[in-house]
Amino acid sequence: MGTLLDPTSPTALTRRLDQELALVQGAIRMVGDRGMPSVTVGGLRFGEEVVQELRAEAAAAGVTLVPLWHPDSHGCDVRAVPHA
């Protein structure tokens, strides 16, 4: 199987992480701009890493990122909500 088709290749994992970061950044913008009261991005493989990476960006936008852990402990969803 070629590297681009292998979902466990470093290239595919980096691309997936980049996509998940972009999705959560979009959620931060929507909630921060008050376009939405909250946004949940589901099915993230790198949810914990995404929350850690974007915590400061979210805080600067007035947004809190809340990880919603999956029962099988593989990944999580992330909810973006305005600061209380």
PDB file of N, CA and C in Angstrom:
ATOM      1  N   MET A   1       0.864  -1.175   0.000  1.00  0.00           N
ATOM      2  CA  MET A   1       0.000   0.000   0.000  1.00  0.00           C
ATOM      3  C   MET A   1       0.901   1.226   0.000  1.00  0.00           C
ATOM      4  N   GLY A   2       0.575   2.204  -0.820  1.00  0.00           N
ATOM      5  CA  GLY A   2       1.344   3.430  -0.879  1.00  0.00           C
ATOM      6  C   GLY A   2       1.162   4.274   0.372  1.00  0.00           C
ATOM      7  N   THR A   3       2.149   5.113   0.637  1.00  0.00           N
ATOM      8  CA  THR A   3       2.126   5.960   1.833  1.00  0.00           C
ATOM      9  C   THR A   3       0.893   6.847   1.879  1.00  0.00           C
ATOM     10  N   LEU A   4       0.488   7.397   0.739  1.00  0.00           N
ATOM     11  CA  LEU A   4      -0.655   8.305   0.719  1.00  0.00           C
ATOM     12  C   LEU A   4      -1.967   7.590   1.006  1.00  0.00           C
ATOM     13  N   LEU A   5      -2.024   6.298   0.747  1.00  0.00           N
ATOM     14  CA  LEU A   5      -3.253   5.545   0.980  1.00  0.00           C
ATOM     15  C   LEU A   5      -3.274   4.872   2.348  1.00  0.00           C
ATOM     16  N   ASP A   6      -2.136   4.794   3.002  1.00  0.00           N
ATOM     17  CA  ASP A   6      -2.032   4.131   4.299  1.00  0.00           C
ATOM     18  C   ASP A   6      -2.432   5.115   5.401  1.00  0.00           C
ATOM     19  N   PRO A   7      -3.571   4.899   6.096  1.00  0.00           N
ATOM     20  CA  PRO A   7      -4.028   5.849   7.111  1.00  0.00           C
ATOM     21  C   PRO A   7      -3.113   5.935   8.331  1.00  0.00           C
ATOM     22  N   THR A   8      -2.151   5.016   8.455  1.00  0.00           N
ATOM     23  CA  THR A   8      -1.231   5.070   9.584  1.00  0.00           C
ATOM     24  C   THR A   8       0.131   5.651   9.210  1.00  0.00           C
ATOM     25  N   SER A   9       0.299   6.067   7.959  1.00  0.00           N
ATOM     26  CA  SER A   9       1.578   6.645   7.551  1.00  0.00           C
ATOM     27  C   SER A   9       1.765   8.007   8.212  1.00  0.00           C
ATOM     28  N   PRO A  10       3.006   8.416   8.434  1.00  0.00           N
ATOM     29  CA  PRO A  10       3.248   9.735   9.025  1.00  0.00           C
ATOM     30  C   PRO A  10       2.604  10.869   8.232  1.00  0.00           C
ATOM     31  N   THR A  11       2.605  10.773   6.927  1.00  0.00           N
ATOM     32  CA  THR A  11       2.001  11.811   6.093  1.00  0.00           C
ATOM     33  C   THR A  11       0.495  11.877   6.326  1.00  0.00           C
ATOM     34  N   ALA A  12      -0.159  10.726   6.366  1.00  0.00           N
ATOM     35  CA  ALA A  12      -1.606  10.689   6.584  1.00  0.00           C
ATOM     36  C   ALA A  12      -1.962  11.176   7.983  1.00  0.00           C
ATOM     37  N   LEU A  13      -1.166  10.814   8.977  1.00  0.00           N
ATOM     38  CA  LEU A  13      -1.441  11.249  10.352  1.00  0.00           C
ATOM     39  C   LEU A  13      -1.261  12.758  10.489  1.00  0.00           C
ATOM     40  N   THR A  14      -0.231  13.300   9.867  1.00  0.00           N
ATOM     41  CA  THR A  14      -0.014  14.749   9.899  1.00  0.00           C
ATOM     42  C   THR A  14      -1.157  15.474   9.214  1.00  0.00           C
ATOM     43  N   ARG A  15      -1.601  14.951   8.089  1.00  0.00           N
ATOM     44  CA  ARG A  15      -2.728  15.560   7.362  1.00  0.00           C
ATOM     45  C   ARG A  15      -3.995  15.517   8.212  1.00  0.00           C
ATOM     46  N   ARG A  16      -4.226  14.408   8.883  1.00  0.00           N
ATOM     47  CA  ARG A  16      -5.420  14.275   9.743  1.00  0.00           C
ATOM     48  C   ARG A  16      -5.358  15.263  10.908  1.00  0.00           C
ATOM     49  N   LEU A  17      -4.206  15.385  11.543  1.00  0.00           N
ATOM     50  CA  LEU A  17      -4.049  16.337  12.639  1.00  0.00           C
ATOM     51  C   LEU A  17      -4.285  17.759  12.145  1.00  0.00           C
ATOM     52  N   ASP A  18      -3.727  18.103  11.003  1.00  0.00           N
ATOM     53  CA  ASP A  18      -3.930  19.441  10.430  1.00  0.00           C
ATOM     54  C   ASP A  18      -5.409  19.705  10.155  1.00  0.00           C
ATOM     55  N   GLN A  19      -6.116  18.710   9.645  1.00  0.00           N
ATOM     56  CA  GLN A  19      -7.544  18.864   9.365  1.00  0.00           C
ATOM     57  C   GLN A  19      -8.332  19.051  10.660  1.00  0.00           C
ATOM     58  N   GLU A  20      -7.995  18.291  11.685  1.00  0.00           N
ATOM     59  CA  GLU A  20      -8.700  18.416  12.964  1.00  0.00           C
ATOM     60  C   GLU A  20      -8.424  19.773  13.609  1.00  0.00           C
ATOM     61  N   LEU A  21      -7.188  20.262  13.514  1.00  0.00           N
ATOM     62  CA  LEU A  21      -6.869  21.598  14.013  1.00  0.00           C
ATOM     63  C   LEU A  21      -7.707  22.646  13.291  1.00  0.00           C
ATOM     64  N   ALA A  22      -7.812  22.535  11.978  1.00  0.00           N
ATOM     65  CA  ALA A  22      -8.587  23.503  11.194  1.00  0.00           C
ATOM     66  C   ALA A  22     -10.066  23.470  11.564  1.00  0.00           C
ATOM     67  N   LEU A  23     -10.624  22.294  11.795  1.00  0.00           N
ATOM     68  CA  LEU A  23     -12.032  22.184  12.184  1.00  0.00           C
ATOM     69  C   LEU A  23     -12.291  22.869  13.518  1.00  0.00           C
ATOM     70  N   VAL A  24     -11.429  22.628  14.486  1.00  0.00           N
ATOM     71  CA  VAL A  24     -11.633  23.222  15.811  1.00  0.00           C
ATOM     72  C   VAL A  24     -11.358  24.730  15.763  1.00  0.00           C
ATOM     73  N   GLN A  25     -10.404  25.167  14.950  1.00  0.00           N
ATOM     74  CA  GLN A  25     -10.191  26.606  14.785  1.00  0.00           C
ATOM     75  C   GLN A  25     -11.443  27.267  14.207  1.00  0.00           C
ATOM     76  N   GLY A  26     -12.114  26.599  13.290  1.00  0.00           N
ATOM     77  CA  GLY A  26     -13.374  27.118  12.757  1.00  0.00           C
ATOM     78  C   GLY A  26     -14.436  27.220  13.832  1.00  0.00           C
ATOM     79  N   ALA A  27     -14.499  26.222  14.694  1.00  0.00           N
ATOM     80  CA  ALA A  27     -15.459  26.247  15.809  1.00  0.00           C
ATOM     81  C   ALA A  27     -15.143  27.412  16.751  1.00  0.00           C
ATOM     82  N   ILE A  28     -13.870  27.636  17.016  1.00  0.00           N
ATOM     83  CA  ILE A  28     -13.461  28.754  17.879  1.00  0.00           C
ATOM     84  C   ILE A  28     -13.918  30.073  17.266  1.00  0.00           C
ATOM     85  N   ARG A  29     -13.709  30.238  15.971  1.00  0.00           N
ATOM     86  CA  ARG A  29     -14.121  31.483  15.300  1.00  0.00           C
ATOM     87  C   ARG A  29     -15.629  31.673  15.352  1.00  0.00           C
ATOM     88  N   MET A  30     -16.387  30.622  15.098  1.00  0.00           N
ATOM     89  CA  MET A  30     -17.850  30.747  15.100  1.00  0.00           C
ATOM     90  C   MET A  30     -18.381  31.135  16.474  1.00  0.00           C
ATOM     91  N   VAL A  31     -17.856  30.528  17.515  1.00  0.00           N
ATOM     92  CA  VAL A  31     -18.324  30.833  18.867  1.00  0.00           C
ATOM     93  C   VAL A  31     -17.759  32.177  19.322  1.00  0.00           C
ATOM     94  N   GLY A  32     -16.502  32.429  19.028  1.00  0.00           N
ATOM     95  CA  GLY A  32     -15.875  33.687  19.421  1.00  0.00           C
ATOM     96  C   GLY A  32     -16.516  34.900  18.783  1.00  0.00           C
ATOM     97  N   ASP A  33     -16.969  34.752  17.541  1.00  0.00           N
ATOM     98  CA  ASP A  33     -17.650  35.838  16.827  1.00  0.00           C
ATOM     99  C   ASP A  33     -19.138  35.896  17.153  1.00  0.00           C
ATOM    100  N   ARG A  34     -19.588  35.029  18.043  1.00  0.00           N
ATOM    101  CA  ARG A  34     -20.986  34.928  18.484  1.00  0.00           C
ATOM    102  C   ARG A  34     -21.936  34.524  17.349  1.00  0.00           C
ATOM    103  N   GLY A  35     -21.378  33.838  16.353  1.00  0.00           N
ATOM    104  CA  GLY A  35     -22.208  33.321  15.275  1.00  0.00           C
ATOM    105  C   GLY A  35     -22.993  32.088  15.699  1.00  0.00           C
ATOM    106  N   MET A  36     -22.455  31.382  16.695  1.00  0.00           N
ATOM    107  CA  MET A  36     -23.107  30.184  17.216  1.00  0.00           C
ATOM    108  C   MET A  36     -22.944  30.184  18.729  1.00  0.00           C
ATOM    109  N   PRO A  37     -23.951  29.687  19.477  1.00  0.00           N
ATOM    110  CA  PRO A  37     -23.807  29.644  20.929  1.00  0.00           C
ATOM    111  C   PRO A  37     -22.797  28.592  21.386  1.00  0.00           C
ATOM    112  N   SER A  38     -22.638  27.532  20.630  1.00  0.00           N
ATOM    113  CA  SER A  38     -21.615  26.520  20.883  1.00  0.00           C
ATOM    114  C   SER A  38     -21.483  25.683  19.617  1.00  0.00           C
ATOM    115  N   VAL A  39     -20.346  25.023  19.496  1.00  0.00           N
ATOM    116  CA  VAL A  39     -20.099  24.151  18.345  1.00  0.00           C
ATOM    117  C   VAL A  39     -19.385  22.910  18.865  1.00  0.00           C
ATOM    118  N   THR A  40     -19.839  21.740  18.436  1.00  0.00           N
ATOM    119  CA  THR A  40     -19.165  20.495  18.779  1.00  0.00           C
ATOM    120  C   THR A  40     -18.582  19.889  17.506  1.00  0.00           C
ATOM    121  N   VAL A  41     -17.301  19.574  17.570  1.00  0.00           N
ATOM    122  CA  VAL A  41     -16.615  18.894  16.479  1.00  0.00           C
ATOM    123  C   VAL A  41     -16.427  17.454  16.935  1.00  0.00           C
ATOM    124  N   GLY A  42     -17.022  16.530  16.208  1.00  0.00           N
ATOM    125  CA  GLY A  42     -17.042  15.138  16.646  1.00  0.00           C
ATOM    126  C   GLY A  42     -16.058  14.242  15.945  1.00  0.00           C
ATOM    127  N   GLY A  43     -15.744  13.143  16.612  1.00  0.00           N
ATOM    128  CA  GLY A  43     -14.945  12.077  16.019  1.00  0.00           C
ATOM    129  C   GLY A  43     -13.486  12.406  15.807  1.00  0.00           C
ATOM    130  N   LEU A  44     -12.902  13.210  16.675  1.00  0.00           N
ATOM    131  CA  LEU A  44     -11.510  13.586  16.509  1.00  0.00           C
ATOM    132  C   LEU A  44     -10.587  12.495  17.025  1.00  0.00           C
ATOM    133  N   ARG A  45      -9.645  12.134  16.222  1.00  0.00           N
ATOM    134  CA  ARG A  45      -8.655  11.144  16.634  1.00  0.00           C
ATOM    135  C   ARG A  45      -7.615  11.785  17.559  1.00  0.00           C
ATOM    136  N   PHE A  46      -7.318  13.058  17.300  1.00  0.00           N
ATOM    137  CA  PHE A  46      -6.293  13.778  18.056  1.00  0.00           C
ATOM    138  C   PHE A  46      -6.910  14.869  18.925  1.00  0.00           C
ATOM    139  N   GLY A  47      -8.068  14.603  19.480  1.00  0.00           N
ATOM    140  CA  GLY A  47      -8.781  15.613  20.255  1.00  0.00           C
ATOM    141  C   GLY A  47      -7.979  16.192  21.399  1.00  0.00           C
ATOM    142  N   GLU A  48      -7.302  15.356  22.156  1.00  0.00           N
ATOM    143  CA  GLU A  48      -6.521  15.840  23.295  1.00  0.00           C
ATOM    144  C   GLU A  48      -5.400  16.765  22.825  1.00  0.00           C
ATOM    145  N   GLU A  49      -4.710  16.380  21.772  1.00  0.00           N
ATOM    146  CA  GLU A  49      -3.623  17.192  21.236  1.00  0.00           C
ATOM    147  C   GLU A  49      -4.156  18.514  20.676  1.00  0.00           C
ATOM    148  N   VAL A  50      -5.309  18.451  20.020  1.00  0.00           N
ATOM    149  CA  VAL A  50      -5.918  19.650  19.445  1.00  0.00           C
ATOM    150  C   VAL A  50      -6.293  20.637  20.557  1.00  0.00           C
ATOM    151  N   VAL A  51      -6.899  20.141  21.623  1.00  0.00           N
ATOM    152  CA  VAL A  51      -7.283  21.011  22.740  1.00  0.00           C
ATOM    153  C   VAL A  51      -6.040  21.676  23.331  1.00  0.00           C
ATOM    154  N   GLN A  52      -4.988  20.915  23.543  1.00  0.00           N
ATOM    155  CA  GLN A  52      -3.758  21.477  24.101  1.00  0.00           C
ATOM    156  C   GLN A  52      -3.173  22.536  23.175  1.00  0.00           C
ATOM    157  N   GLU A  53      -3.137  22.259  21.904  1.00  0.00           N
ATOM    158  CA  GLU A  53      -2.548  23.172  20.918  1.00  0.00           C
ATOM    159  C   GLU A  53      -3.338  24.473  20.790  1.00  0.00           C
ATOM    160  N   LEU A  54      -4.668  24.386  20.883  1.00  0.00           N
ATOM    161  CA  LEU A  54      -5.515  25.552  20.605  1.00  0.00           C
ATOM    162  C   LEU A  54      -6.088  26.226  21.849  1.00  0.00           C
ATOM    163  N   ARG A  55      -5.714  25.767  23.034  1.00  0.00           N
ATOM    164  CA  ARG A  55      -6.261  26.328  24.274  1.00  0.00           C
ATOM    165  C   ARG A  55      -6.036  27.840  24.365  1.00  0.00           C
ATOM    166  N   ALA A  56      -4.826  28.322  24.095  1.00  0.00           N
ATOM    167  CA  ALA A  56      -4.522  29.762  24.182  1.00  0.00           C
ATOM    168  C   ALA A  56      -5.274  30.554  23.120  1.00  0.00           C
ATOM    169  N   GLU A  57      -5.353  30.023  21.911  1.00  0.00           N
ATOM    170  CA  GLU A  57      -6.100  30.691  20.830  1.00  0.00           C
ATOM    171  C   GLU A  57      -7.572  30.815  21.204  1.00  0.00           C
ATOM    172  N   ALA A  58      -8.122  29.751  21.764  1.00  0.00           N
ATOM    173  CA  ALA A  58      -9.525  29.774  22.182  1.00  0.00           C
ATOM    174  C   ALA A  58      -9.736  30.805  23.289  1.00  0.00           C
ATOM    175  N   ALA A  59      -8.862  30.823  24.272  1.00  0.00           N
ATOM    176  CA  ALA A  59      -8.996  31.762  25.392  1.00  0.00           C
ATOM    177  C   ALA A  59      -8.938  33.206  24.891  1.00  0.00           C
ATOM    178  N   ALA A  60      -8.066  33.483  23.943  1.00  0.00           N
ATOM    179  CA  ALA A  60      -7.961  34.836  23.391  1.00  0.00           C
ATOM    180  C   ALA A  60      -9.240  35.261  22.674  1.00  0.00           C
ATOM    181  N   ALA A  61      -9.984  34.268  22.169  1.00  0.00           N
ATOM    182  CA  ALA A  61     -11.245  34.551  21.476  1.00  0.00           C
ATOM    183  C   ALA A  61     -12.440  34.513  22.426  1.00  0.00           C
ATOM    184  N   GLY A  62     -12.187  34.293  23.719  1.00  0.00           N
ATOM    185  CA  GLY A  62     -13.290  34.221  24.685  1.00  0.00           C
ATOM    186  C   GLY A  62     -14.010  32.888  24.666  1.00  0.00           C
ATOM    187  N   VAL A  63     -13.306  31.841  24.275  1.00  0.00           N
ATOM    188  CA  VAL A  63     -13.910  30.519  24.087  1.00  0.00           C
ATOM    189  C   VAL A  63     -13.191  29.498  24.975  1.00  0.00           C
ATOM    190  N   THR A  64     -13.953  28.559  25.512  1.00  0.00           N
ATOM    191  CA  THR A  64     -13.410  27.428  26.252  1.00  0.00           C
ATOM    192  C   THR A  64     -13.603  26.170  25.408  1.00  0.00           C
ATOM    193  N   LEU A  65     -12.575  25.352  25.332  1.00  0.00           N
ATOM    194  CA  LEU A  65     -12.669  24.066  24.640  1.00  0.00           C
ATOM    195  C   LEU A  65     -12.889  22.978  25.678  1.00  0.00           C
ATOM    196  N   VAL A  66     -13.949  22.203  25.484  1.00  0.00           N
ATOM    197  CA  VAL A  66     -14.321  21.153  26.429  1.00  0.00           C
ATOM    198  C   VAL A  66     -14.199  19.802  25.722  1.00  0.00           C
ATOM    199  N   PRO A  67     -13.246  18.958  26.152  1.00  0.00           N
ATOM    200  CA  PRO A  67     -13.153  17.628  25.545  1.00  0.00           C
ATOM    201  C   PRO A  67     -14.290  16.738  26.040  1.00  0.00           C
ATOM    202  N   LEU A  68     -14.881  16.007  25.136  1.00  0.00           N
ATOM    203  CA  LEU A  68     -15.952  15.058  25.451  1.00  0.00           C
ATOM    204  C   LEU A  68     -15.420  13.671  25.092  1.00  0.00           C
ATOM    205  N   TRP A  69     -14.930  12.988  26.091  1.00  0.00           N
ATOM    206  CA  TRP A  69     -14.224  11.725  25.876  1.00  0.00           C
ATOM    207  C   TRP A  69     -15.155  10.620  25.401  1.00  0.00           C
ATOM    208  N   HIS A  70     -14.671   9.810  24.501  1.00  0.00           N
ATOM    209  CA  HIS A  70     -15.401   8.637  24.028  1.00  0.00           C
ATOM    210  C   HIS A  70     -15.274   7.532  25.071  1.00  0.00           C
ATOM    211  N   PRO A  71     -16.303   6.718  25.231  1.00  0.00           N
ATOM    212  CA  PRO A  71     -16.253   5.653  26.242  1.00  0.00           C
ATOM    213  C   PRO A  71     -15.120   4.653  26.007  1.00  0.00           C
ATOM    214  N   ASP A  72     -14.713   4.463  24.764  1.00  0.00           N
ATOM    215  CA  ASP A  72     -13.642   3.501  24.480  1.00  0.00           C
ATOM    216  C   ASP A  72     -12.260   4.127  24.623  1.00  0.00           C
ATOM    217  N   SER A  73     -12.201   5.397  25.016  1.00  0.00           N
ATOM    218  CA  SER A  73     -10.978   6.175  25.239  1.00  0.00           C
ATOM    219  C   SER A  73     -10.117   6.340  23.996  1.00  0.00           C
ATOM    220  N   HIS A  74     -10.695   6.198  22.816  1.00  0.00           N
ATOM    221  CA  HIS A  74      -9.963   6.457  21.578  1.00  0.00           C
ATOM    222  C   HIS A  74     -10.473   7.762  20.990  1.00  0.00           C
ATOM    223  N   GLY A  75      -9.762   8.838  21.262  1.00  0.00           N
ATOM    224  CA  GLY A  75     -10.158  10.142  20.732  1.00  0.00           C
ATOM    225  C   GLY A  75     -11.258  10.771  21.543  1.00  0.00           C
ATOM    226  N   CYS A  76     -11.722  11.910  21.043  1.00  0.00           N
ATOM    227  CA  CYS A  76     -12.798  12.601  21.731  1.00  0.00           C
ATOM    228  C   CYS A  76     -13.439  13.610  20.779  1.00  0.00           C
ATOM    229  N   ASP A  77     -14.608  14.085  21.186  1.00  0.00           N
ATOM    230  CA  ASP A  77     -15.227  15.211  20.519  1.00  0.00           C
ATOM    231  C   ASP A  77     -14.765  16.460  21.281  1.00  0.00           C
ATOM    232  N   VAL A  78     -14.870  17.619  20.658  1.00  0.00           N
ATOM    233  CA  VAL A  78     -14.495  18.869  21.325  1.00  0.00           C
ATOM    234  C   VAL A  78     -15.628  19.858  21.156  1.00  0.00           C
ATOM    235  N   ARG A  79     -16.082  20.399  22.276  1.00  0.00           N
ATOM    236  CA  ARG A  79     -17.124  21.434  22.247  1.00  0.00           C
ATOM    237  C   ARG A  79     -16.477  22.781  22.526  1.00  0.00           C
ATOM    238  N   ALA A  80     -16.790  23.748  21.692  1.00  0.00           N
ATOM    239  CA  ALA A  80     -16.357  25.131  21.892  1.00  0.00           C
ATOM    240  C   ALA A  80     -17.537  25.897  22.455  1.00  0.00           C
ATOM    241  N   VAL A  81     -17.327  26.537  23.619  1.00  0.00           N
ATOM    242  CA  VAL A  81     -18.383  27.310  24.282  1.00  0.00           C
ATOM    243  C   VAL A  81     -17.800  28.659  24.699  1.00  0.00           C
ATOM    244  N   PRO A  82     -18.661  29.702  24.815  1.00  0.00           N
ATOM    245  CA  PRO A  82     -18.138  30.979  25.295  1.00  0.00           C
ATOM    246  C   PRO A  82     -17.723  30.867  26.761  1.00  0.00           C
ATOM    247  N   HIS A  83     -16.725  31.659  27.154  1.00  0.00           N
ATOM    248  CA  HIS A  83     -16.338  31.709  28.577  1.00  0.00           C
ATOM    249  C   HIS A  83     -17.566  32.059  29.401  1.00  0.00           C
ATOM    250  N   ALA A  84     -17.675  31.450  30.560  1.00  0.00           N
ATOM    251  CA  ALA A  84     -18.805  31.717  31.468  1.00  0.00           C
ATOM    252  C   ALA A  84     -18.653  33.064  32.137  1.00  0.00           C
TER     253      ALA A  84
END
